[in-house]
């Protein structure tokens, strides 16, 4: 039987490779959860450096630094929660 253009363009479900959904989900979870330590580290660090800079410029030692570090922890915790929810597959 000669191969025609119609036959070449027709999808053949039996010959398409199927991705293992469990393997893909597992790799996605690892990728998302690998970001958690970095999120937890950089939120307070950014708060520390931004707060130190603002304290130096405004003469409010150490109040802005402490405030921004606390806000960095809160933001990091919220983003970590979002990452864990995304890794678990729930969209709450």
N, C-alpha and C. Protein backbone atom coordinates (compact mmCIF):
# COMPACT_ATOMS: atom_id res chain seq x y z
N UNK A 1 0.85 -1.17 0.00
CA UNK A 1 0.00 0.00 0.00
C UNK A 1 0.89 1.23 0.00
N UNK A 2 0.74 2.12 -0.95
CA UNK A 2 1.57 3.32 -1.00
C UNK A 2 1.18 4.30 0.11
N UNK A 3 2.16 5.03 0.60
CA UNK A 3 1.93 6.01 1.66
C UNK A 3 1.45 7.29 1.01
N UNK A 4 0.30 7.75 1.43
CA UNK A 4 -0.24 9.00 0.89
C UNK A 4 -0.11 10.09 1.94
N UNK A 5 -0.34 11.32 1.50
CA UNK A 5 -0.25 12.46 2.41
C UNK A 5 -1.31 12.33 3.50
N UNK A 6 -2.49 11.88 3.15
CA UNK A 6 -3.54 11.71 4.14
C UNK A 6 -3.13 10.73 5.22
N UNK A 7 -2.54 9.65 4.81
CA UNK A 7 -2.13 8.63 5.77
C UNK A 7 -1.00 9.12 6.66
N UNK A 8 -0.10 9.94 6.13
CA UNK A 8 1.01 10.46 6.92
C UNK A 8 0.53 11.48 7.96
N UNK A 9 -0.50 12.26 7.65
CA UNK A 9 -0.98 13.29 8.56
C UNK A 9 -1.99 12.78 9.57
N UNK A 10 -2.46 11.59 9.38
CA UNK A 10 -3.46 11.02 10.27
C UNK A 10 -2.78 10.59 11.59
N UNK A 11 -3.33 11.02 12.71
CA UNK A 11 -2.71 10.59 13.98
C UNK A 11 -2.92 9.10 14.21
N UNK A 12 -1.87 8.46 14.62
CA UNK A 12 -1.94 7.03 14.91
C UNK A 12 -1.70 6.86 16.40
N UNK A 13 -2.76 6.66 17.16
CA UNK A 13 -2.66 6.60 18.61
C UNK A 13 -1.85 5.42 19.11
N UNK A 14 -1.75 4.38 18.33
CA UNK A 14 -1.02 3.20 18.79
C UNK A 14 0.49 3.40 18.73
N UNK A 15 0.97 4.32 17.91
CA UNK A 15 2.41 4.47 17.74
C UNK A 15 2.99 5.67 18.46
N UNK A 16 2.17 6.51 19.06
CA UNK A 16 2.69 7.67 19.77
C UNK A 16 3.17 7.24 21.15
N UNK A 17 4.39 7.65 21.53
CA UNK A 17 4.88 7.27 22.86
C UNK A 17 4.11 8.02 23.94
N UNK A 18 3.72 7.30 24.96
CA UNK A 18 2.98 7.91 26.06
C UNK A 18 3.94 8.17 27.21
N UNK A 19 3.82 9.36 27.77
CA UNK A 19 4.66 9.71 28.90
C UNK A 19 4.07 9.10 30.17
N UNK A 20 4.92 8.56 30.97
CA UNK A 20 4.48 7.99 32.23
C UNK A 20 4.10 9.13 33.17
N UNK A 21 2.81 9.26 33.47
CA UNK A 21 2.32 10.37 34.29
C UNK A 21 2.88 10.35 35.70
N UNK A 22 3.05 9.17 36.28
CA UNK A 22 3.62 9.09 37.63
C UNK A 22 5.06 9.58 37.65
N UNK A 23 5.83 9.20 36.65
CA UNK A 23 7.22 9.65 36.60
C UNK A 23 7.29 11.16 36.40
N UNK A 24 6.44 11.69 35.54
CA UNK A 24 6.42 13.13 35.31
C UNK A 24 5.99 13.89 36.53
N UNK A 25 5.03 13.36 37.26
CA UNK A 25 4.56 14.02 38.49
C UNK A 25 5.66 14.01 39.55
N UNK A 26 6.35 12.91 39.66
CA UNK A 26 7.43 12.78 40.63
C UNK A 26 8.54 13.79 40.34
N UNK A 27 8.93 13.90 39.09
CA UNK A 27 9.97 14.86 38.72
C UNK A 27 9.51 16.30 38.93
N UNK A 28 8.25 16.56 38.67
CA UNK A 28 7.71 17.91 38.89
C UNK A 28 7.74 18.25 40.38
N UNK A 29 7.38 17.30 41.23
CA UNK A 29 7.41 17.53 42.67
C UNK A 29 8.83 17.82 43.15
N UNK A 30 9.79 17.05 42.65
CA UNK A 30 11.18 17.28 43.06
C UNK A 30 11.63 18.68 42.62
N UNK A 31 11.28 19.06 41.41
CA UNK A 31 11.67 20.38 40.92
C UNK A 31 11.07 21.50 41.74
N UNK A 32 9.81 21.36 42.10
CA UNK A 32 9.16 22.41 42.89
C UNK A 32 9.71 22.44 44.31
N UNK A 33 9.87 21.27 44.92
CA UNK A 33 10.33 21.23 46.32
C UNK A 33 11.80 21.60 46.47
N UNK A 34 12.57 21.52 45.40
CA UNK A 34 13.96 21.95 45.45
C UNK A 34 14.05 23.46 45.67
N UNK A 35 13.05 24.19 45.27
CA UNK A 35 13.05 25.64 45.42
C UNK A 35 12.77 26.08 46.85
N UNK A 36 12.21 25.22 47.68
CA UNK A 36 11.80 25.60 49.04
C UNK A 36 12.96 26.16 49.88
N UNK A 37 14.13 25.52 49.96
CA UNK A 37 15.19 26.09 50.79
C UNK A 37 15.64 27.48 50.33
N UNK A 38 15.63 27.69 49.01
CA UNK A 38 16.05 28.99 48.49
C UNK A 38 15.03 30.06 48.82
N UNK A 39 13.75 29.72 48.74
CA UNK A 39 12.70 30.68 49.09
C UNK A 39 12.80 31.03 50.57
N UNK A 40 13.02 30.03 51.41
CA UNK A 40 13.13 30.29 52.85
C UNK A 40 14.36 31.11 53.20
N UNK A 41 15.41 31.00 52.41
CA UNK A 41 16.65 31.71 52.69
C UNK A 41 16.60 33.15 52.19
N UNK A 42 16.09 33.37 50.97
CA UNK A 42 16.22 34.68 50.36
C UNK A 42 15.23 35.71 50.88
N UNK A 43 14.07 35.32 51.36
CA UNK A 43 13.11 36.29 51.91
C UNK A 43 13.70 37.09 53.06
N UNK A 44 14.15 36.42 54.12
CA UNK A 44 14.75 37.17 55.23
C UNK A 44 16.06 37.87 54.85
N UNK A 45 16.85 37.28 53.95
CA UNK A 45 18.10 37.94 53.54
C UNK A 45 17.82 39.26 52.83
N UNK A 46 16.86 39.27 51.95
CA UNK A 46 16.49 40.51 51.28
C UNK A 46 15.98 41.52 52.29
N UNK A 47 15.18 41.05 53.26
CA UNK A 47 14.70 41.93 54.32
C UNK A 47 15.84 42.50 55.14
N UNK A 48 16.84 41.69 55.43
CA UNK A 48 17.99 42.17 56.21
C UNK A 48 18.75 43.26 55.46
N UNK A 49 19.09 43.00 54.21
CA UNK A 49 19.89 43.97 53.47
C UNK A 49 19.09 45.24 53.16
N UNK A 50 17.83 45.10 52.79
CA UNK A 50 17.01 46.28 52.52
C UNK A 50 16.79 47.07 53.81
N UNK A 51 16.53 46.37 54.91
CA UNK A 51 16.33 47.05 56.18
C UNK A 51 17.59 47.75 56.68
N UNK A 52 18.74 47.11 56.51
CA UNK A 52 20.00 47.74 56.92
C UNK A 52 20.26 49.00 56.11
N UNK A 53 20.01 48.92 54.82
CA UNK A 53 20.21 50.08 53.96
C UNK A 53 19.29 51.23 54.36
N UNK A 54 18.02 50.91 54.55
CA UNK A 54 17.06 51.95 54.92
C UNK A 54 17.35 52.50 56.32
N UNK A 55 17.76 51.66 57.25
CA UNK A 55 18.11 52.13 58.59
C UNK A 55 19.28 53.10 58.52
N UNK A 56 20.25 52.79 57.69
CA UNK A 56 21.42 53.66 57.55
C UNK A 56 21.02 55.01 56.95
N UNK A 57 20.17 54.98 55.94
CA UNK A 57 19.75 56.22 55.27
C UNK A 57 18.81 57.06 56.13
N UNK A 58 17.94 56.42 56.88
CA UNK A 58 16.93 57.14 57.64
C UNK A 58 17.28 57.29 59.12
N UNK A 59 18.33 56.62 59.57
CA UNK A 59 18.75 56.71 60.97
C UNK A 59 17.76 56.06 61.93
N UNK A 60 17.21 54.95 61.54
CA UNK A 60 16.22 54.27 62.38
C UNK A 60 16.72 52.93 62.90
N UNK A 61 18.02 52.81 63.14
CA UNK A 61 18.60 51.54 63.59
C UNK A 61 17.83 50.95 64.75
N UNK A 62 17.57 49.74 64.84
CA UNK A 62 17.49 48.62 63.92
C UNK A 62 16.06 48.30 63.50
N UNK A 63 15.16 49.28 63.64
CA UNK A 63 13.72 48.99 63.53
C UNK A 63 13.29 48.53 62.14
N UNK A 64 13.72 49.20 61.10
CA UNK A 64 13.32 48.79 59.76
C UNK A 64 13.92 47.44 59.38
N UNK A 65 15.15 47.19 59.83
CA UNK A 65 15.77 45.90 59.53
C UNK A 65 14.95 44.77 60.16
N UNK A 66 14.57 44.93 61.41
CA UNK A 66 13.79 43.90 62.09
C UNK A 66 12.43 43.73 61.42
N UNK A 67 11.77 44.83 61.09
CA UNK A 67 10.48 44.78 60.43
C UNK A 67 10.57 44.06 59.08
N UNK A 68 11.57 44.40 58.28
CA UNK A 68 11.69 43.78 56.96
C UNK A 68 12.13 42.32 57.04
N UNK A 69 12.90 41.96 58.04
CA UNK A 69 13.24 40.54 58.22
C UNK A 69 11.98 39.74 58.57
N UNK A 70 11.16 40.27 59.46
CA UNK A 70 9.91 39.59 59.82
C UNK A 70 9.00 39.47 58.60
N UNK A 71 8.88 40.55 57.82
CA UNK A 71 8.08 40.49 56.60
C UNK A 71 8.65 39.49 55.60
N UNK A 72 9.99 39.37 55.55
CA UNK A 72 10.63 38.39 54.68
C UNK A 72 10.31 36.96 55.11
N UNK A 73 10.29 36.72 56.43
CA UNK A 73 9.90 35.39 56.92
C UNK A 73 8.45 35.08 56.59
N UNK A 74 7.58 36.06 56.74
CA UNK A 74 6.16 35.85 56.43
C UNK A 74 5.98 35.56 54.95
N UNK A 75 6.63 36.35 54.10
CA UNK A 75 6.51 36.14 52.65
C UNK A 75 7.10 34.79 52.25
N UNK A 76 8.22 34.42 52.85
CA UNK A 76 8.84 33.13 52.55
C UNK A 76 7.95 31.98 52.98
N UNK A 77 7.33 32.10 54.15
CA UNK A 77 6.42 31.05 54.62
C UNK A 77 5.21 30.90 53.71
N UNK A 78 4.66 32.03 53.26
CA UNK A 78 3.51 31.97 52.37
C UNK A 78 3.90 31.33 51.03
N UNK A 79 5.02 31.72 50.48
CA UNK A 79 5.45 31.15 49.21
C UNK A 79 5.81 29.67 49.35
N UNK A 80 6.39 29.29 50.47
CA UNK A 80 6.69 27.88 50.72
C UNK A 80 5.40 27.07 50.78
N UNK A 81 4.39 27.61 51.44
CA UNK A 81 3.09 26.95 51.50
C UNK A 81 2.52 26.77 50.09
N UNK A 82 2.62 27.82 49.27
CA UNK A 82 2.12 27.73 47.90
C UNK A 82 2.88 26.68 47.10
N UNK A 83 4.20 26.60 47.28
CA UNK A 83 5.00 25.59 46.57
C UNK A 83 4.61 24.17 47.00
N UNK A 84 4.40 23.98 48.29
CA UNK A 84 4.02 22.65 48.79
C UNK A 84 2.65 22.26 48.25
N UNK A 85 1.72 23.21 48.21
CA UNK A 85 0.40 22.94 47.65
C UNK A 85 0.50 22.57 46.17
N UNK A 86 1.34 23.30 45.44
CA UNK A 86 1.50 23.02 44.00
C UNK A 86 2.16 21.66 43.79
N UNK A 87 3.12 21.30 44.63
CA UNK A 87 3.78 20.01 44.50
C UNK A 87 2.82 18.86 44.82
N UNK A 88 1.90 19.11 45.75
CA UNK A 88 0.93 18.08 46.11
C UNK A 88 -0.19 17.95 45.11
N UNK A 89 -0.29 18.90 44.22
CA UNK A 89 -1.31 18.81 43.18
C UNK A 89 -2.63 19.44 43.55
N UNK A 90 -2.70 20.13 44.69
CA UNK A 90 -3.94 20.81 45.06
C UNK A 90 -3.80 22.28 44.72
N UNK A 91 -4.93 22.91 44.39
CA UNK A 91 -4.91 24.32 44.02
C UNK A 91 -5.71 25.17 45.00
N UNK A 92 -5.66 24.84 46.28
CA UNK A 92 -6.42 25.58 47.30
C UNK A 92 -5.79 26.92 47.57
